[in-house]
Protein backbone atom coordinates (compact mmCIF):
# COMPACT_ATOMS: atom_id res chain seq x y z
CA MET A 1 92.44 118.43 91.43
CA VAL A 2 95.30 118.34 93.74
CA LEU A 3 98.40 118.03 92.08
CA ALA A 4 101.29 117.59 94.96
CA TRP A 5 104.91 116.93 94.85
CA ASP A 6 106.87 115.32 97.42
CA HIS A 7 110.20 116.99 99.26
CA GLU A 8 113.37 115.76 97.05
CA GLY A 9 115.74 113.11 97.85
CA THR A 10 115.71 110.61 100.72
CA VAL A 11 114.03 112.98 103.09
CA GLY A 12 110.72 113.02 100.44
CA VAL A 13 111.06 108.91 100.24
CA GLU A 14 111.15 108.58 103.94
CA ARG A 15 108.53 110.67 105.00
CA ARG A 16 106.25 109.25 102.00
CA ASP A 17 107.22 105.29 103.24
CA ALA A 18 106.53 106.39 107.07
CA ALA A 19 102.81 108.18 106.04
CA ARG A 20 101.92 105.68 103.59
CA ALA A 21 99.83 103.81 105.90
CA ALA A 22 97.86 106.39 107.27
CA HIS A 23 97.35 108.12 103.83
CA MET A 24 95.90 104.98 102.18
CA GLU A 25 93.49 104.47 105.29
CA SER A 26 92.22 108.23 104.85
CA ILE A 27 92.35 108.09 101.18
CA ARG A 28 89.94 104.82 100.97
CA GLY A 29 87.90 106.35 103.66
CA LEU A 30 87.35 109.26 101.39
CA TRP A 31 87.02 107.40 98.13
CA GLU A 32 84.26 105.04 99.84
CA GLU A 33 82.25 108.63 100.85
CA GLY A 34 82.38 109.68 97.54
CA HIS A 35 84.94 112.74 97.97
CA VAL A 36 87.95 110.89 96.36
CA VAL A 37 87.12 110.37 92.26
CA LEU A 38 91.07 108.88 91.62
CA GLY A 39 94.34 109.11 93.28
CA ALA A 40 97.74 108.12 91.65
CA GLY A 41 101.48 108.31 92.63
CA ILE A 42 103.74 110.38 90.36
CA ARG A 43 106.51 108.38 89.30
CA ASP A 44 109.89 109.74 88.22
CA ASP A 45 112.09 108.20 85.55
CA ASP A 46 113.58 105.67 88.11
CA GLY A 47 110.09 104.52 88.98
CA GLY A 48 110.12 105.99 92.38
CA ILE A 49 106.60 108.11 93.41
CA ARG A 50 107.64 111.55 93.89
CA GLY A 51 104.28 113.41 94.09
CA SER A 52 100.51 112.88 93.88
CA LEU A 53 97.65 113.10 91.93
CA VAL A 54 93.97 113.26 93.74
CA ILE A 55 91.06 114.05 91.82
CA VAL A 56 88.44 115.24 94.69
CA GLU A 57 84.71 116.09 94.22
CA TYR A 58 83.99 118.70 97.03
CA PRO A 59 81.30 121.39 96.65
CA SER A 60 83.83 124.40 97.48
CA ARG A 61 87.36 125.13 97.70
CA ASP A 62 86.94 125.62 101.44
CA ASP A 63 85.92 122.01 101.51
CA VAL A 64 89.33 120.79 99.73
CA ASP A 65 91.31 123.01 102.20
CA ARG A 66 89.84 121.03 104.69
CA TYR A 67 90.37 117.72 103.21
CA LEU A 68 94.12 118.98 102.86
CA GLU A 69 93.99 120.06 106.51
CA SER A 70 93.45 116.50 107.33
CA GLU A 71 95.59 114.19 104.57
CA PRO A 72 98.43 112.59 106.22
CA PHE A 73 100.67 113.71 103.65
CA VAL A 74 100.24 117.07 104.56
CA SER A 75 100.50 116.74 108.37
CA GLN A 76 103.68 114.30 107.69
CA SER A 77 105.27 117.16 105.75
CA VAL A 78 105.56 114.65 102.47
CA TRP A 79 104.12 116.99 100.40
CA GLU A 80 106.34 120.07 99.89
CA ARG A 81 104.49 121.67 96.98
CA ILE A 82 100.49 121.58 96.65
CA GLU A 83 98.48 123.29 93.64
CA VAL A 84 94.84 122.89 93.73
CA HIS A 85 93.00 123.24 90.43
CA PRO A 86 89.19 123.02 89.33
CA VAL A 87 88.66 120.27 86.81
CA PHE A 88 85.92 118.94 84.91
CA VAL A 89 85.57 114.94 84.73
CA PRO A 90 82.83 113.67 82.44
CA ASP A 91 80.22 111.28 83.67
CA PHE A 92 81.34 108.55 81.29
CA TYR A 93 84.94 108.38 83.03
CA LEU A 94 83.05 107.86 86.34
CA GLY A 95 80.69 104.90 85.27
CA ARG A 96 77.65 107.07 86.60
């Protein structure tokens, strides 16, 4: 699981807006390949998106790191802080 927080303030909003199309194209491709299970924006109290949650399925942490290297929200400095945590998602959630 990738938990990522945007830069604060207008800088974060502007960077997210500028990178959104590239991010969506990339994340959709990874979803179609079976690497992304779920992606979601984290909303603040005002309804703005201030971060992301991405549940990924890769064989190793190195593979997750390679994904992050190619992630537009990383290369375009949208995300200020990134945490990676292993999670177990039961199959019934995935419809398998």
